[in-house]
């Protein structure tokens, strides 16, 4: 299946499974008359497969070393893309950026295979409003001297992320208008 058909399939899945009407509070603290529950797509077997295929296709030629983002939205996406990348002969390490370091164990902010200085990193997220959560995760990755070469999300809510994340080659798969919202 070509990339355009996969993207159309993904858009249909998001509209069908992820859009919830009714007032909700977003991670940014703002309230909205609808919510996009990306995990309804990225934790669904078909949804995760299609999401991972679309994102992996977008990474061709980027020479990325790792993929991850802020927990919880990025977790299934990073794992799915990492899994499929193994079949390409250019496997991507998957990682998760915590909201806060654990007070026990290794006390790390970033979980998964070690990111090294110079690693080329792709950040992912299911839904982005202002970009603040992803920017915080980017700063954690940059502390390790890894380079964020792209940021990809399923849906951008059109509330400032394009400007906030522009220095990181930000590419939403869909904007609200494409969801009919």
Foldseek 3Di string as FASTA:
>chain_A
DDLVVLLVVLLVCQLPFFKAAAWDQDPVRDIDRIGGRLCSQLVDVSSVLSLLVNVLVVCPPVLAAAEEFEPDFGVSNRVSVQVVVVVVVRGHWYKYAYPAFDPDDPRDRIDTPDDAAAGEYEYEGAEEEQCVRRVVRVVSSCVRNYHQQEYEYAEYAPHHNCVVCVVRNYDYSYYVVSSVD
